[in-house]
Protein backbone atom coordinates (compact mmCIF):
# COMPACT_ATOMS: atom_id res chain seq x y z
CA MET A 1 46.01 -11.10 -12.55
CA LYS A 2 48.28 -8.06 -12.23
CA PHE A 3 45.45 -6.24 -10.48
CA ILE A 4 45.22 -9.01 -7.88
CA LYS A 5 49.01 -9.01 -7.33
CA TRP A 6 49.02 -5.25 -6.72
CA PHE A 7 46.10 -5.08 -4.35
CA ALA A 8 46.44 -8.39 -2.46
CA PRO A 9 49.12 -7.04 -0.06
CA LEU A 10 47.02 -3.95 0.64
CA ILE A 11 43.99 -6.11 1.42
CA VAL A 12 46.03 -8.27 3.80
CA LEU A 13 47.42 -5.21 5.61
CA PHE A 14 43.98 -3.66 5.90
CA ALA A 15 42.50 -6.88 7.31
CA GLY A 16 45.37 -7.16 9.81
CA SER A 17 44.88 -3.60 11.00
CA LEU A 18 41.19 -4.29 11.58
CA ALA A 19 42.06 -7.40 13.56
CA PHE A 20 44.30 -5.47 15.97
CA ALA A 21 42.18 -2.29 16.08
CA GLN A 22 39.62 -1.85 18.81
CA VAL A 23 36.32 -1.42 16.98
CA THR A 24 33.17 -0.85 19.01
CA LEU A 25 30.21 -2.76 17.58
CA PRO A 26 26.67 -2.89 18.99
CA THR A 27 25.43 -6.20 20.31
CA VAL A 28 21.97 -7.52 21.03
CA ASN A 29 21.45 -10.06 23.80
CA MET A 30 18.24 -12.05 24.03
CA GLY A 31 17.45 -14.42 26.83
CA PHE A 32 15.36 -15.18 29.91
CA LYS A 33 16.15 -14.11 33.41
CA THR A 34 14.31 -13.51 36.66
CA THR A 35 13.84 -9.94 37.74
CA GLN A 36 12.16 -8.03 40.55
CA ASN A 37 12.06 -4.75 38.64
CA PRO A 38 8.63 -4.10 37.04
CA ALA A 39 10.19 -1.63 34.58
CA GLU A 40 12.17 -4.43 32.93
CA VAL A 41 9.00 -6.46 32.47
CA VAL A 42 7.23 -3.49 30.91
CA ASN A 43 10.12 -2.90 28.51
CA ALA A 44 10.10 -6.54 27.45
CA VAL A 45 6.36 -6.41 26.80
CA LYS A 46 6.79 -3.21 24.79
CA MET A 47 9.46 -4.88 22.67
CA VAL A 48 7.14 -7.80 21.91
CA LEU A 49 4.35 -5.38 20.98
CA VAL A 50 6.66 -3.42 18.68
CA LEU A 51 7.74 -6.60 16.88
CA THR A 52 4.08 -7.61 16.52
CA VAL A 53 3.19 -4.23 15.00
CA LEU A 54 6.08 -4.54 12.54
CA THR A 55 4.77 -7.90 11.34
CA LEU A 56 1.29 -6.39 10.89
CA ALA A 57 2.57 -3.25 9.15
CA PRO A 58 1.90 -4.55 5.59
CA ALA A 59 -1.68 -5.45 6.51
CA ILE A 60 -2.18 -2.04 8.14
CA LEU A 61 -0.83 -0.32 5.04
CA ILE A 62 -3.16 -2.30 2.76
CA MET A 63 -6.29 -2.15 4.91
CA MET A 64 -6.22 1.43 6.20
CA THR A 65 -4.89 3.42 3.22
CA GLY A 66 -5.70 3.90 -0.45
CA PHE A 67 -3.38 1.08 -1.53
CA THR A 68 -6.26 -1.31 -2.25
CA ARG A 69 -8.06 1.01 -4.66
CA ILE A 70 -4.89 1.99 -6.52
CA LEU A 71 -3.63 -1.57 -7.01
CA ILE A 72 -7.00 -2.91 -8.17
CA VAL A 73 -7.48 -0.07 -10.67
CA LEU A 74 -4.01 -0.62 -12.15
CA SER A 75 -4.73 -4.36 -12.39
CA PHE A 76 -8.02 -3.59 -14.19
CA LEU A 77 -6.12 -1.42 -16.65
CA ARG A 78 -3.73 -4.24 -17.47
CA GLN A 79 -6.60 -6.68 -17.97
CA ALA A 80 -8.56 -4.22 -20.12
CA MET A 81 -5.61 -3.61 -22.44
CA GLY A 82 -5.00 -7.34 -22.78
CA VAL A 83 -1.30 -7.22 -21.85
CA GLN A 84 -1.21 -9.98 -19.26
CA GLN A 85 2.37 -9.55 -18.02
CA LEU A 86 3.05 -5.86 -18.71
CA PRO A 87 3.55 -3.94 -16.54
CA PRO A 88 4.83 -6.72 -14.26
CA ASN A 89 3.35 -7.28 -10.81
CA GLN A 90 6.40 -5.87 -9.03
CA LEU A 91 6.08 -2.62 -10.94
CA LEU A 92 2.36 -2.32 -10.24
CA VAL A 93 2.84 -2.95 -6.53
CA GLY A 94 5.74 -0.49 -6.36
CA LEU A 95 3.79 2.22 -8.19
CA SER A 96 0.77 1.60 -5.97
CA LEU A 97 2.95 1.84 -2.88
CA PHE A 98 4.47 5.20 -3.82
CA LEU A 99 1.10 6.58 -4.92
CA THR A 100 -0.24 5.52 -1.53
CA PHE A 101 2.54 7.45 0.21
CA PHE A 102 1.70 10.45 -1.99
CA VAL A 103 -2.03 10.30 -1.22
CA MET A 104 -1.52 9.61 2.48
CA GLY A 105 1.25 12.19 2.85
CA PRO A 106 -0.78 14.69 4.94
CA ALA A 107 -2.04 11.92 7.23
CA PHE A 108 1.45 10.45 7.72
CA THR A 109 2.85 13.91 8.43
CA GLU A 110 0.20 14.49 11.08
CA ILE A 111 0.92 11.10 12.64
CA ASN A 112 4.61 11.91 12.82
CA GLN A 113 4.05 15.36 14.33
CA LYS A 114 1.31 14.51 16.82
CA ALA A 115 2.08 10.90 17.77
CA VAL A 116 5.51 9.58 16.84
CA GLN A 117 7.76 12.52 17.72
CA PRO A 118 6.00 13.43 21.02
CA TYR A 119 6.10 9.77 22.09
CA LEU A 120 9.80 9.39 21.24
CA SER A 121 10.61 12.57 23.15
CA GLY A 122 8.72 11.31 26.21
CA ASN A 123 6.05 14.03 26.12
CA LEU A 124 3.20 11.68 25.31
CA SER A 125 2.03 8.41 26.80
CA GLN A 126 1.65 5.27 24.74
CA ASP A 127 -2.17 5.27 24.83
CA LEU A 128 -2.42 8.89 23.73
CA ALA A 129 0.17 8.29 21.01
CA ILE A 130 -1.92 5.44 19.58
CA ASP A 131 -5.07 7.58 19.68
CA ASN A 132 -3.30 10.47 17.96
CA ALA A 133 -1.93 8.12 15.32
CA LEU A 134 -5.33 6.61 14.60
CA ALA A 135 -7.11 9.97 14.36
CA PRO A 136 -5.90 10.97 10.83
CA LEU A 137 -6.33 7.40 9.56
CA ARG A 138 -9.89 7.26 10.87
CA ARG A 139 -10.61 10.67 9.32
CA PHE A 140 -9.34 9.44 5.96
CA MET A 141 -11.31 6.21 6.14
CA PHE A 142 -14.51 8.01 7.10
CA THR A 143 -14.25 10.29 4.07
CA GLN A 144 -13.90 7.27 1.75
CA THR A 145 -16.49 4.98 3.40
CA ARG A 146 -20.08 4.89 2.25
CA ASP A 147 -22.75 5.27 4.89
CA GLN A 148 -24.52 2.08 3.82
CA ASP A 149 -21.35 0.02 4.19
CA LEU A 150 -20.65 1.53 7.58
CA GLY A 151 -24.22 0.88 8.66
CA LEU A 152 -23.96 -2.72 7.50
CA PHE A 153 -20.95 -3.50 9.67
CA VAL A 154 -22.38 -1.60 12.63
CA LYS A 155 -25.44 -3.82 12.34
CA LEU A 156 -23.38 -6.99 11.93
CA SER A 157 -21.22 -6.16 14.94
CA LYS A 158 -24.35 -5.92 17.13
CA ILE A 159 -22.97 -2.97 19.06
CA GLN A 160 -24.95 -0.08 20.40
CA GLN A 161 -25.94 2.39 17.70
CA PRO A 162 -23.18 5.04 17.67
CA LYS A 163 -24.36 8.64 17.97
CA THR A 164 -21.32 10.18 16.28
CA ARG A 165 -18.46 8.94 14.12
CA ALA A 166 -16.14 9.11 17.09
CA ASP A 167 -18.23 6.35 18.72
CA VAL A 168 -17.63 3.93 15.82
CA PRO A 169 -14.93 1.39 16.78
CA THR A 170 -11.95 1.11 14.48
CA ILE A 171 -12.52 -2.65 14.14
CA VAL A 172 -15.90 -1.83 12.58
CA LEU A 173 -14.65 1.04 10.45
CA VAL A 174 -11.81 -0.87 8.75
CA PRO A 175 -13.92 -3.61 7.03
CA ALA A 176 -16.51 -1.00 6.00
CA PHE A 177 -13.71 1.06 4.48
CA ILE A 178 -12.32 -1.95 2.60
CA VAL A 179 -15.72 -2.82 1.13
CA SER A 180 -16.22 0.78 0.01
CA GLU A 181 -12.77 0.81 -1.56
CA LEU A 182 -13.55 -2.40 -3.46
CA LYS A 183 -16.79 -0.89 -4.78
CA THR A 184 -15.05 2.29 -5.87
CA ALA A 185 -12.21 0.37 -7.53
CA PHE A 186 -14.65 -1.83 -9.47
CA MET A 187 -16.62 1.23 -10.62
CA ILE A 188 -13.44 2.83 -11.92
CA GLY A 189 -12.46 -0.48 -13.54
CA PHE A 190 -15.82 -0.60 -15.38
CA ILE A 191 -15.19 2.87 -16.82
CA ILE A 192 -11.67 1.84 -17.87
CA PHE A 193 -12.95 -1.27 -19.67
CA LEU A 194 -15.48 0.56 -21.88
CA PRO A 195 -13.19 2.16 -24.51
CA PHE A 196 -11.03 -0.97 -24.80
CA LEU A 197 -14.15 -3.13 -25.10
CA ILE A 198 -15.35 -1.00 -28.02
CA ILE A 199 -12.03 -1.53 -29.79
CA ASP A 200 -12.31 -5.30 -29.24
CA ILE A 201 -15.84 -5.33 -30.68
CA LEU A 202 -14.78 -3.31 -33.73
CA ALA A 203 -11.82 -5.60 -34.35
CA ALA A 204 -14.00 -8.71 -34.05
CA SER A 205 -16.62 -7.22 -36.39
CA VAL A 206 -14.01 -6.36 -39.03
CA LEU A 207 -12.51 -9.84 -38.88
CA MET A 208 -15.94 -11.42 -39.18
CA ALA A 209 -16.78 -9.25 -42.20
CA MET A 210 -13.50 -10.21 -43.88
CA GLY A 211 -14.08 -13.90 -43.20
CA MET A 212 -10.96 -14.13 -41.01
CA MET A 213 -12.68 -15.91 -38.15
CA MET A 214 -9.60 -17.95 -37.27
CA VAL A 215 -7.61 -14.85 -36.34
CA PRO A 216 -8.00 -13.91 -32.64
CA PRO A 217 -9.41 -10.35 -32.32
CA ILE A 218 -6.87 -9.54 -29.60
CA VAL A 219 -4.07 -9.78 -32.20
CA ILE A 220 -5.60 -6.89 -34.16
CA SER A 221 -7.03 -4.84 -31.29
CA LEU A 222 -3.97 -4.84 -29.00
CA PRO A 223 -1.86 -2.41 -31.10
CA PHE A 224 -4.83 -0.04 -31.39
CA LYS A 225 -5.41 -0.21 -27.64
CA ILE A 226 -1.81 0.70 -26.93
CA MET A 227 -1.89 3.49 -29.52
CA LEU A 228 -5.11 4.92 -28.04
CA PHE A 229 -3.73 4.78 -24.52
CA VAL A 230 -0.54 6.56 -25.57
CA LEU A 231 -2.31 9.24 -27.64
CA VAL A 232 -4.62 10.28 -24.79
CA ASP A 233 -1.71 10.26 -22.30
CA GLY A 234 -3.41 7.47 -20.42
CA TRP A 235 -1.02 7.14 -17.50
CA SER A 236 -1.25 10.80 -16.52
CA LEU A 237 -5.02 10.81 -17.03
CA LEU A 238 -5.60 7.64 -15.03
CA ILE A 239 -3.25 8.42 -12.13
CA GLY A 240 -4.42 12.02 -11.92
CA SER A 241 -8.07 10.99 -11.81
CA MET A 242 -7.34 8.26 -9.28
CA VAL A 243 -5.50 10.64 -6.93
CA LYS A 244 -8.32 13.19 -7.25
CA SER A 245 -10.86 10.48 -6.41
CA PHE A 246 -9.51 10.49 -2.83
CA GLY A 247 -10.60 14.09 -2.47
């Protein structure tokens, strides 16, 4: 209570000074008005497009980067160990997000240098900025996409057979890339499951031999799974191998 008595007058004086002081604050006005200036119409359309891109940013991050593979592999690891709620989903998503930024660092740097900064400085048009921004993403997706998956979606799209990779539309490349990422993630998940599956089989066999059939094998195998994962430095081994898998 003494603390409140001491500082209450100071708070009142500070609030009063703010009330009488002239503080400049930014304001945003939104509304409809008629105009004869085409530049204002173009600026309004650009603002709508920017807001649309911001709403699609999470989907772009998931569909055109390595986020899908990383998150699925980490989810497979949690299922293989048998710890259903550890690590929690928020932690897995956060780790996947930062690993994605780490893997895509060179591509994001190139986008910033060749697309974002030149466009903001007025040295590059909007169309060229979009093309320059897509170039490193397309290069990354091509390196991770299998030829059979790309050929499948080229066939399904019923477009003219592209002669080079530059002729492949991005709308065809993205689903092919996602399917390839799913295949790769499931292959890595299969390899992760094998050692933990062996431990589960050994635990079930020992319980059967001892006549303890009412005891769930997961109760016995879970501590050994955690111990094995810690002894082999599983997190460093898994994350290092996963980052290297992107080449």
